[in-house]
Amino acid sequence: MNDIKHLLTAALNEEPARMTTDLQSPPVDPTDDLARGRRRVLRRRAAIAGGVAAAALLVGGVATVAGLDAGGDGTTGVATTEHRTTVRTQEVTLVAYTGEQPKGYRVEQLPDGWVIQGGSEASLTIAPANAADQNPDSFVNKLTVLSASSDTPPETLTEGTPVPMSGGTGYFRDAGDGVQIFTYQDPSGRWVQIQVPAQLHWDAARSAAFAEGITVVNGAGDSHG
């Protein structure tokens, strides 16, 4: 019995000693714990950032696929829009002409911004007001009116697409390099040829409208050359 009491007493005496020893141990340095905590925070932030980037890539991939489906030509939606956007060429409109009439012709209307460079018994030359070539006998890139030569093969005068006119029928054809030729027979029976340059962007109807405002007068004769 005394042995048991002795052991209990010894145990009780040892516990305070251990507590005292623990309290008297030197303070723990928190530097390592803080470093480990910072590393955990950084790893967590990196994981979150990676997830956001992956989500962005996924959304971007869906958008790209949607663009491919919308375009149908292997391009993204934006590129497809640019590809399908066309620049509409603006045809030069006709305006009333009130200036001095040229020799051999009476003119009722001109392309807007264009002027009469010269008229003769053989031809009428019309060009942009700021044209570098001011020679009325040069017809390149100019709107010209010619009385058909008497030796012109008759079949060539009716080549092209027929176009109704108030006094009959005109004929509109492509001469190459964007140049169009409009031919018609005036009330006197004379065949007239109009060379329409590419920069006017005229169709058959516009060419016919210009021809309706041209009258050959003062004995203008054949065009040669």
Protein backbone atom coordinates (compact mmCIF):
# COMPACT_ATOMS: atom_id res chain seq x y z
CA MET A 1 0.00 0.00 0.00
CA ASN A 2 2.81 2.34 0.86
CA ASP A 3 4.40 1.58 -2.51
CA ILE A 4 1.28 2.71 -4.35
CA LYS A 5 1.15 5.97 -2.42
CA HIS A 6 4.78 6.52 -3.16
CA LEU A 7 4.31 6.05 -6.88
CA LEU A 8 1.30 8.42 -6.97
CA THR A 9 3.23 11.03 -5.08
CA ALA A 10 6.19 10.73 -7.41
CA ALA A 11 3.95 11.06 -10.49
CA LEU A 12 2.32 14.21 -9.14
CA ASN A 13 5.67 15.71 -8.35
CA GLU A 14 7.02 14.98 -11.88
CA GLU A 15 4.13 16.72 -13.85
CA PRO A 16 4.84 20.19 -12.49
CA ALA A 17 8.47 19.62 -13.20
CA ARG A 18 7.75 18.84 -16.87
CA MET A 19 5.47 21.87 -17.17
CA THR A 20 8.12 24.00 -15.63
CA THR A 21 10.67 22.62 -18.02
CA ASP A 22 8.39 23.35 -21.04
CA LEU A 23 7.74 26.91 -19.91
CA GLN A 24 11.42 27.49 -19.46
CA SER A 25 12.33 26.25 -23.01
CA PRO A 26 13.55 28.96 -25.46
CA PRO A 27 10.92 30.67 -27.76
CA VAL A 28 10.28 29.05 -31.16
CA ASP A 29 11.45 31.05 -34.26
CA PRO A 30 8.33 31.55 -36.56
CA THR A 31 10.36 32.39 -39.68
CA ASP A 32 10.19 28.88 -41.14
CA ASP A 33 6.46 28.61 -40.50
CA LEU A 34 5.83 31.97 -42.17
CA ALA A 35 7.92 30.97 -45.19
CA ARG A 36 5.99 27.75 -45.54
CA GLY A 37 2.73 29.69 -45.30
CA ARG A 38 3.82 32.14 -48.01
CA ARG A 39 4.78 29.27 -50.30
CA ARG A 40 1.37 27.69 -49.82
CA VAL A 41 -0.34 31.01 -50.66
CA LEU A 42 1.78 31.44 -53.80
CA ARG A 43 1.05 27.89 -54.94
CA ARG A 44 -2.66 28.49 -54.41
CA ARG A 45 -2.60 31.75 -56.36
CA ALA A 46 -0.73 30.07 -59.21
CA ALA A 47 -3.31 27.31 -59.32
CA ILE A 48 -6.15 29.86 -59.44
CA ALA A 49 -4.42 31.84 -62.20
CA GLY A 50 -3.86 28.67 -64.20
CA GLY A 51 -7.53 27.82 -63.93
CA VAL A 52 -8.57 31.28 -65.14
CA ALA A 53 -6.19 31.07 -68.11
CA ALA A 54 -7.50 27.65 -69.04
CA ALA A 55 -11.05 28.96 -68.88
CA ALA A 56 -10.10 31.89 -71.12
CA LEU A 57 -8.50 29.55 -73.63
CA LEU A 58 -11.60 27.41 -73.61
CA VAL A 59 -13.87 30.42 -74.21
CA GLY A 60 -11.55 31.69 -76.94
CA GLY A 61 -11.58 28.30 -78.60
CA VAL A 62 -15.36 28.29 -78.61
CA ALA A 63 -15.40 31.78 -80.13
CA THR A 64 -12.97 30.72 -82.82
CA VAL A 65 -15.01 27.66 -83.66
CA ALA A 66 -18.12 29.81 -83.81
CA GLY A 67 -16.31 32.14 -86.20
CA LEU A 68 -15.33 29.21 -88.40
CA ASP A 69 -18.88 27.96 -88.47
CA ALA A 70 -20.22 31.42 -89.28
CA GLY A 71 -17.71 32.14 -92.01
CA GLY A 72 -17.61 28.72 -93.55
CA ASP A 73 -14.34 29.56 -95.27
CA GLY A 74 -11.76 28.77 -92.62
CA THR A 75 -11.53 32.30 -91.23
CA THR A 76 -12.56 33.84 -87.94
CA GLY A 77 -15.68 35.94 -87.64
CA VAL A 78 -13.77 39.21 -87.91
CA ALA A 79 -11.75 38.11 -90.94
CA THR A 80 -14.89 36.78 -92.54
CA THR A 81 -16.56 40.14 -92.11
CA GLU A 82 -13.63 41.88 -93.75
CA HIS A 83 -13.57 39.29 -96.53
CA ARG A 84 -17.24 39.74 -97.27
CA THR A 85 -17.17 43.52 -97.15
CA THR A 86 -16.96 44.90 -100.66
CA VAL A 87 -16.12 48.42 -101.68
CA ARG A 88 -18.81 49.66 -103.96
CA THR A 89 -17.44 51.69 -106.82
CA GLN A 90 -19.19 55.00 -107.25
CA GLU A 91 -20.23 55.66 -110.80
CA VAL A 92 -19.76 59.22 -111.98
CA THR A 93 -23.16 60.84 -112.34
CA LEU A 94 -24.32 63.07 -115.17
CA VAL A 95 -24.91 66.78 -114.67
CA ALA A 96 -26.39 69.39 -116.99
CA TYR A 97 -23.92 71.14 -119.27
CA THR A 98 -24.44 74.89 -119.72
CA GLY A 99 -21.08 75.92 -121.19
CA GLU A 100 -20.05 76.77 -124.72
CA GLN A 101 -20.99 74.10 -127.23
CA PRO A 102 -18.11 72.43 -129.06
CA LYS A 103 -17.73 72.36 -132.80
CA GLY A 104 -19.71 69.59 -134.48
CA TYR A 105 -21.80 68.56 -131.44
CA ARG A 106 -24.47 69.75 -129.09
CA VAL A 107 -24.01 68.47 -125.55
CA GLU A 108 -26.72 68.44 -122.89
CA GLN A 109 -24.91 66.72 -120.01
CA LEU A 110 -21.45 65.71 -118.85
CA PRO A 111 -19.99 63.45 -116.18
CA ASP A 112 -19.72 65.37 -112.94
CA GLY A 113 -16.25 66.96 -112.66
CA TRP A 114 -15.44 66.37 -116.33
CA VAL A 115 -14.96 69.01 -119.04
CA ILE A 116 -15.00 69.22 -122.80
CA GLN A 117 -11.41 69.25 -124.03
CA GLY A 118 -12.29 69.81 -127.66
CA GLY A 119 -14.65 69.09 -130.51
CA SER A 120 -14.17 68.77 -134.24
CA GLU A 121 -15.98 67.40 -137.24
CA ALA A 122 -14.52 64.02 -136.38
CA SER A 123 -14.70 63.71 -132.61
CA LEU A 124 -15.71 65.09 -129.23
CA THR A 125 -13.30 64.62 -126.32
CA ILE A 126 -14.34 64.82 -122.67
CA ALA A 127 -11.99 64.26 -119.71
CA PRO A 128 -11.61 64.98 -115.98
CA ALA A 129 -10.98 68.67 -115.29
CA ASN A 130 -7.61 67.82 -113.72
CA ALA A 131 -6.51 65.32 -116.39
CA ALA A 132 -2.77 65.34 -117.04
CA ASP A 133 -3.37 64.77 -120.75
CA GLN A 134 -4.99 67.89 -122.17
CA ASN A 135 -4.62 66.88 -125.83
CA PRO A 136 -8.15 66.58 -127.34
CA ASP A 137 -6.81 64.26 -130.03
CA SER A 138 -5.71 61.73 -127.41
CA PHE A 139 -8.54 59.40 -126.40
CA VAL A 140 -6.94 57.21 -123.73
CA ASN A 141 -8.92 57.26 -120.46
CA LYS A 142 -11.32 59.81 -121.92
CA LEU A 143 -14.96 59.86 -122.87
CA THR A 144 -15.05 60.29 -126.63
CA VAL A 145 -17.82 60.60 -129.19
CA LEU A 146 -17.00 59.62 -132.76
CA SER A 147 -19.02 59.50 -135.94
CA ALA A 148 -18.49 56.00 -137.25
CA SER A 149 -16.24 55.76 -140.26
CA SER A 150 -17.99 55.00 -143.54
CA ASP A 151 -15.80 51.94 -143.96
CA THR A 152 -16.74 50.46 -140.57
CA PRO A 153 -18.16 46.93 -141.06
CA PRO A 154 -21.92 47.25 -140.42
CA GLU A 155 -22.03 44.11 -138.27
CA THR A 156 -19.64 45.65 -135.75
CA LEU A 157 -22.00 48.56 -135.15
CA THR A 158 -24.63 46.29 -133.61
CA GLU A 159 -22.33 44.14 -131.51
CA GLY A 160 -23.06 43.87 -127.83
CA THR A 161 -26.13 44.10 -125.62
CA PRO A 162 -29.14 45.92 -127.15
CA VAL A 163 -30.21 48.93 -125.08
CA PRO A 164 -33.55 50.69 -125.65
CA MET A 165 -33.31 54.40 -126.51
CA SER A 166 -35.98 56.99 -127.23
CA GLY A 167 -35.07 57.04 -130.93
CA GLY A 168 -34.20 53.40 -131.43
CA THR A 169 -31.69 50.92 -130.04
CA GLY A 170 -28.14 51.29 -128.83
CA TYR A 171 -25.54 48.55 -128.38
CA PHE A 172 -23.25 48.20 -125.39
CA ARG A 173 -20.14 46.01 -125.49
CA ASP A 174 -16.88 45.43 -123.67
CA ALA A 175 -13.78 46.53 -125.58
CA GLY A 176 -11.30 45.24 -122.99
CA ASP A 177 -9.25 46.91 -120.24
CA GLY A 178 -12.45 48.19 -118.66
CA VAL A 179 -13.35 50.27 -121.73
CA GLN A 180 -16.93 50.04 -122.99
CA ILE A 181 -18.22 50.95 -126.45
CA PHE A 182 -21.73 52.25 -126.98
CA THR A 183 -22.99 52.59 -130.55
CA TYR A 184 -26.28 53.94 -131.83
CA GLN A 185 -27.82 55.44 -134.95
CA ASP A 186 -29.02 59.03 -134.66
CA PRO A 187 -32.20 60.38 -136.29
CA SER A 188 -30.25 61.38 -139.43
CA GLY A 189 -29.13 57.78 -139.93
CA ARG A 190 -25.53 58.43 -138.84
CA TRP A 191 -23.90 55.82 -136.64
CA VAL A 192 -22.23 57.25 -133.54
CA GLN A 193 -19.69 55.49 -131.34
CA ILE A 194 -19.03 56.45 -127.73
CA GLN A 195 -15.94 55.22 -125.93
CA VAL A 196 -16.64 54.97 -122.19
CA PRO A 197 -13.49 54.77 -119.99
CA ALA A 198 -13.32 52.47 -116.99
CA GLN A 199 -13.08 55.23 -114.38
CA LEU A 200 -16.66 56.35 -115.09
CA HIS A 201 -18.04 52.98 -113.93
CA TRP A 202 -20.96 53.32 -116.31
CA ASP A 203 -23.33 50.56 -117.23
CA ALA A 204 -25.39 50.31 -120.41
CA ALA A 205 -28.23 52.45 -119.05
CA ARG A 206 -25.94 55.30 -118.01
CA SER A 207 -24.13 55.20 -121.33
CA ALA A 208 -27.47 55.38 -123.15
CA ALA A 209 -28.54 58.33 -121.01
CA PHE A 210 -25.39 60.21 -122.02
CA ALA A 211 -25.94 59.34 -125.68
CA GLU A 212 -29.49 60.71 -125.50
CA GLY A 213 -27.99 64.11 -124.72
CA ILE A 214 -25.57 64.17 -127.70
CA THR A 215 -26.51 65.58 -131.08
CA VAL A 216 -24.17 65.64 -134.09
CA VAL A 217 -24.51 69.01 -135.83
CA ASN A 218 -22.83 71.35 -138.31
CA GLY A 219 -21.97 68.63 -140.78
CA ALA A 220 -19.72 66.60 -138.50
CA GLY A 221 -18.42 63.83 -140.70
CA ASP A 222 -16.69 60.48 -140.55
CA SER A 223 -14.09 59.56 -137.97
CA HIS A 224 -10.93 58.10 -139.43
CA GLY A 225 -7.84 56.45 -137.97
